Amino acid sequence: MSTKETITNKLREAFTPESLDVTDESHLHEGHAGHRPGGETHFSVYIVSPAFKGKSRVERHRMINAALAGELAGSVHALAIKAHAPGEPG
């Protein structure tokens, strides 16, 4: 299973999102810190979930970082996050 698939599955399981898009942006960081041949080091996440209702941006990021702790401690060098509750502008 790819890192992208692992991230997608963990976020679906943890947050039951209405919308989820995980993008491997590793190719944009070639030659930068943390990049490895073959990619799967830099990702962006766009997620809309009821779990984020009433939570601050920092709280949402912490929730996602906790769900992906293993990946962030290992193969994932960078994770850009856009997390919203349903009905919020994205």
N, C-alpha and C. Protein backbone atom coordinates (compact mmCIF):
# COMPACT_ATOMS: atom_id res chain seq x y z
N MET A 1 0.84 -1.17 0.00
CA MET A 1 0.00 0.00 0.00
C MET A 1 0.90 1.24 0.00
N SER A 2 0.55 2.22 -0.81
CA SER A 2 1.34 3.44 -0.89
C SER A 2 1.09 4.31 0.35
N THR A 3 1.98 5.25 0.56
CA THR A 3 1.82 6.18 1.68
C THR A 3 0.55 7.00 1.50
N LYS A 4 0.25 7.40 0.28
CA LYS A 4 -0.97 8.16 0.01
C LYS A 4 -2.20 7.35 0.41
N GLU A 5 -2.23 6.08 0.06
CA GLU A 5 -3.36 5.22 0.42
C GLU A 5 -3.46 5.04 1.93
N THR A 6 -2.32 4.91 2.59
CA THR A 6 -2.31 4.77 4.04
C THR A 6 -2.88 6.02 4.71
N ILE A 7 -2.43 7.20 4.25
CA ILE A 7 -2.93 8.46 4.80
C ILE A 7 -4.44 8.57 4.57
N THR A 8 -4.88 8.27 3.35
CA THR A 8 -6.30 8.34 3.01
C THR A 8 -7.12 7.43 3.91
N ASN A 9 -6.68 6.19 4.06
CA ASN A 9 -7.42 5.22 4.88
C ASN A 9 -7.49 5.64 6.34
N LYS A 10 -6.37 6.12 6.88
CA LYS A 10 -6.36 6.53 8.29
C LYS A 10 -7.26 7.73 8.53
N LEU A 11 -7.26 8.69 7.61
CA LEU A 11 -8.10 9.87 7.77
C LEU A 11 -9.58 9.51 7.62
N ARG A 12 -9.90 8.61 6.70
CA ARG A 12 -11.29 8.15 6.56
C ARG A 12 -11.77 7.47 7.83
N GLU A 13 -10.91 6.62 8.38
CA GLU A 13 -11.28 5.87 9.59
C GLU A 13 -11.43 6.81 10.79
N ALA A 14 -10.53 7.77 10.92
CA ALA A 14 -10.53 8.65 12.09
C ALA A 14 -11.61 9.72 12.05
N PHE A 15 -11.96 10.22 10.84
CA PHE A 15 -12.81 11.41 10.77
C PHE A 15 -14.08 11.25 9.94
N THR A 16 -14.28 10.12 9.27
CA THR A 16 -15.46 9.91 8.43
C THR A 16 -15.79 11.18 7.63
N PRO A 17 -14.88 11.61 6.78
CA PRO A 17 -15.05 12.90 6.11
C PRO A 17 -16.13 12.89 5.03
N GLU A 18 -16.74 14.06 4.85
CA GLU A 18 -17.67 14.26 3.74
C GLU A 18 -16.88 14.45 2.44
N SER A 19 -15.69 15.01 2.57
CA SER A 19 -14.82 15.24 1.43
C SER A 19 -13.38 15.03 1.88
N LEU A 20 -12.58 14.38 1.03
CA LEU A 20 -11.18 14.13 1.35
C LEU A 20 -10.37 14.07 0.06
N ASP A 21 -9.30 14.82 0.04
CA ASP A 21 -8.37 14.78 -1.09
C ASP A 21 -6.96 14.77 -0.53
N VAL A 22 -6.22 13.71 -0.81
CA VAL A 22 -4.83 13.60 -0.40
C VAL A 22 -3.99 13.64 -1.68
N THR A 23 -3.06 14.59 -1.75
CA THR A 23 -2.24 14.76 -2.95
C THR A 23 -0.78 14.61 -2.60
N ASP A 24 -0.08 13.78 -3.37
CA ASP A 24 1.37 13.62 -3.23
C ASP A 24 2.02 14.77 -4.00
N GLU A 25 2.64 15.69 -3.29
CA GLU A 25 3.28 16.85 -3.91
C GLU A 25 4.80 16.73 -3.88
N SER A 26 5.31 15.53 -3.71
CA SER A 26 6.74 15.31 -3.58
C SER A 26 7.52 15.84 -4.78
N HIS A 27 6.94 15.70 -5.97
CA HIS A 27 7.64 16.14 -7.17
C HIS A 27 7.90 17.65 -7.16
N LEU A 28 7.13 18.40 -6.40
CA LEU A 28 7.32 19.85 -6.30
C LEU A 28 8.49 20.21 -5.39
N HIS A 29 8.99 19.24 -4.64
CA HIS A 29 10.02 19.50 -3.64
C HIS A 29 11.34 18.81 -3.96
N GLU A 30 11.50 18.39 -5.18
CA GLU A 30 12.74 17.73 -5.60
C GLU A 30 13.92 18.66 -5.34
N GLY A 31 14.92 18.14 -4.67
CA GLY A 31 16.10 18.92 -4.34
C GLY A 31 15.99 19.65 -3.01
N HIS A 32 14.83 19.60 -2.37
CA HIS A 32 14.63 20.26 -1.08
C HIS A 32 14.81 19.26 0.05
N ALA A 33 14.85 19.76 1.26
CA ALA A 33 15.01 18.92 2.44
C ALA A 33 13.90 17.88 2.52
N GLY A 34 14.27 16.67 2.87
CA GLY A 34 13.30 15.61 3.09
C GLY A 34 12.86 14.86 1.85
N HIS A 35 13.19 15.37 0.66
CA HIS A 35 12.80 14.67 -0.57
C HIS A 35 13.66 13.44 -0.77
N ARG A 36 13.01 12.37 -1.22
CA ARG A 36 13.72 11.13 -1.54
C ARG A 36 13.32 10.69 -2.93
N PRO A 37 14.21 10.02 -3.62
CA PRO A 37 13.82 9.47 -4.93
C PRO A 37 12.60 8.56 -4.76
N GLY A 38 11.65 8.66 -5.66
CA GLY A 38 10.43 7.87 -5.55
C GLY A 38 9.31 8.62 -4.87
N GLY A 39 9.61 9.77 -4.29
CA GLY A 39 8.58 10.61 -3.70
C GLY A 39 7.97 10.07 -2.43
N GLU A 40 6.67 10.34 -2.26
CA GLU A 40 5.91 9.96 -1.08
C GLU A 40 6.50 10.56 0.20
N THR A 41 6.93 11.83 0.11
CA THR A 41 7.50 12.52 1.26
C THR A 41 6.73 13.79 1.63
N HIS A 42 6.10 14.42 0.64
CA HIS A 42 5.40 15.69 0.84
C HIS A 42 3.95 15.54 0.36
N PHE A 43 3.00 15.81 1.26
CA PHE A 43 1.59 15.62 0.92
C PHE A 43 0.78 16.85 1.31
N SER A 44 -0.33 17.04 0.61
CA SER A 44 -1.32 18.02 1.03
C SER A 44 -2.63 17.28 1.27
N VAL A 45 -3.37 17.75 2.26
CA VAL A 45 -4.63 17.14 2.63
C VAL A 45 -5.70 18.22 2.65
N TYR A 46 -6.81 17.96 1.98
CA TYR A 46 -8.01 18.78 2.08
C TYR A 46 -9.09 17.86 2.63
N ILE A 47 -9.66 18.22 3.78
CA ILE A 47 -10.63 17.35 4.43
C ILE A 47 -11.77 18.18 5.02
N VAL A 48 -12.98 17.68 4.83
CA VAL A 48 -14.18 18.28 5.44
C VAL A 48 -14.84 17.19 6.27
N SER A 49 -14.96 17.45 7.58
CA SER A 49 -15.52 16.45 8.48
C SER A 49 -16.29 17.11 9.62
N PRO A 50 -17.40 16.50 10.02
CA PRO A 50 -18.13 17.00 11.19
C PRO A 50 -17.27 16.98 12.46
N ALA A 51 -16.24 16.16 12.49
CA ALA A 51 -15.35 16.07 13.66
C ALA A 51 -14.66 17.40 13.96
N PHE A 52 -14.60 18.30 12.98
CA PHE A 52 -13.90 19.56 13.15
C PHE A 52 -14.82 20.71 13.59
N LYS A 53 -16.11 20.43 13.71
CA LYS A 53 -17.07 21.47 14.11
C LYS A 53 -16.70 22.01 15.49
N GLY A 54 -16.58 23.32 15.59
CA GLY A 54 -16.27 23.96 16.86
C GLY A 54 -14.80 23.91 17.25
N LYS A 55 -13.96 23.35 16.41
CA LYS A 55 -12.52 23.25 16.70
C LYS A 55 -11.76 24.37 15.99
N SER A 56 -10.70 24.84 16.64
CA SER A 56 -9.85 25.86 16.02
C SER A 56 -8.98 25.19 14.94
N ARG A 57 -8.35 26.02 14.12
CA ARG A 57 -7.45 25.50 13.09
C ARG A 57 -6.33 24.67 13.71
N VAL A 58 -5.77 25.16 14.81
CA VAL A 58 -4.69 24.45 15.49
C VAL A 58 -5.18 23.10 16.02
N GLU A 59 -6.37 23.08 16.62
CA GLU A 59 -6.93 21.82 17.14
C GLU A 59 -7.14 20.81 16.01
N ARG A 60 -7.63 21.28 14.87
CA ARG A 60 -7.86 20.41 13.72
C ARG A 60 -6.54 19.81 13.23
N HIS A 61 -5.52 20.64 13.15
CA HIS A 61 -4.22 20.15 12.69
C HIS A 61 -3.66 19.13 13.68
N ARG A 62 -3.83 19.40 14.96
CA ARG A 62 -3.34 18.45 15.97
C ARG A 62 -4.07 17.11 15.86
N MET A 63 -5.37 17.16 15.60
CA MET A 63 -6.14 15.92 15.44
C MET A 63 -5.62 15.10 14.26
N ILE A 64 -5.36 15.77 13.16
CA ILE A 64 -4.86 15.08 11.96
C ILE A 64 -3.44 14.57 12.21
N ASN A 65 -2.60 15.40 12.82
CA ASN A 65 -1.23 14.96 13.11
C ASN A 65 -1.23 13.74 14.03
N ALA A 66 -2.14 13.69 14.99
CA ALA A 66 -2.22 12.53 15.89
C ALA A 66 -2.64 11.29 15.12
N ALA A 67 -3.59 11.43 14.19
CA ALA A 67 -4.05 10.28 13.41
C ALA A 67 -2.96 9.75 12.49
N LEU A 68 -2.04 10.63 12.10
CA LEU A 68 -0.98 10.25 11.16
C LEU A 68 0.39 10.24 11.83
N ALA A 69 0.43 10.07 13.14
CA ALA A 69 1.69 10.15 13.90
C ALA A 69 2.76 9.21 13.37
N GLY A 70 2.38 7.99 13.03
CA GLY A 70 3.36 7.02 12.53
C GLY A 70 3.98 7.45 11.23
N GLU A 71 3.19 7.97 10.33
CA GLU A 71 3.68 8.42 9.04
C GLU A 71 4.56 9.67 9.18
N LEU A 72 4.14 10.59 10.04
CA LEU A 72 4.90 11.81 10.25
C LEU A 72 6.23 11.54 10.95
N ALA A 73 6.29 10.49 11.75
CA ALA A 73 7.54 10.12 12.41
C ALA A 73 8.44 9.31 11.47
N GLY A 74 7.88 8.86 10.36
CA GLY A 74 8.64 8.01 9.45
C GLY A 74 8.86 8.64 8.09
N SER A 75 8.09 8.17 7.12
CA SER A 75 8.35 8.50 5.72
C SER A 75 7.87 9.88 5.27
N VAL A 76 6.91 10.46 5.96
CA VAL A 76 6.34 11.74 5.52
C VAL A 76 7.15 12.89 6.12
N HIS A 77 7.70 13.72 5.24
CA HIS A 77 8.51 14.86 5.68
C HIS A 77 7.65 16.11 5.92
N ALA A 78 6.63 16.31 5.08
CA ALA A 78 5.82 17.51 5.18
C ALA A 78 4.36 17.20 4.86
N LEU A 79 3.46 17.87 5.59
CA LEU A 79 2.03 17.68 5.40
C LEU A 79 1.34 19.04 5.47
N ALA A 80 0.79 19.48 4.35
CA ALA A 80 0.01 20.71 4.31
C ALA A 80 -1.44 20.33 4.53
N ILE A 81 -2.12 21.04 5.43
CA ILE A 81 -3.48 20.66 5.83
C ILE A 81 -4.45 21.81 5.64
N LYS A 82 -5.59 21.50 5.02
CA LYS A 82 -6.75 22.38 4.98
C LYS A 82 -7.90 21.54 5.51
N ALA A 83 -8.35 21.85 6.74
CA ALA A 83 -9.39 21.07 7.40
C ALA A 83 -10.56 21.98 7.74
N HIS A 84 -11.76 21.56 7.35
CA HIS A 84 -12.95 22.35 7.56
C HIS A 84 -14.08 21.47 8.09
N ALA A 85 -15.01 22.10 8.77
CA ALA A 85 -16.26 21.46 9.15
C ALA A 85 -17.25 21.69 8.01
N PRO A 86 -18.26 20.84 7.87
CA PRO A 86 -19.26 21.03 6.80
C PRO A 86 -19.88 22.43 6.90
N GLY A 87 -20.06 23.05 5.73
CA GLY A 87 -20.67 24.37 5.66
C GLY A 87 -19.70 25.53 5.77
N GLU A 88 -18.47 25.27 6.18
CA GLU A 88 -17.47 26.31 6.24
C GLU A 88 -16.89 26.56 4.85
N PRO A 89 -16.51 27.79 4.55
CA PRO A 89 -15.88 28.04 3.25
C PRO A 89 -14.55 27.32 3.15
N GLY A 90 -14.29 26.76 2.00
CA GLY A 90 -13.06 25.99 1.80
C GLY A 90 -12.15 26.68 0.92
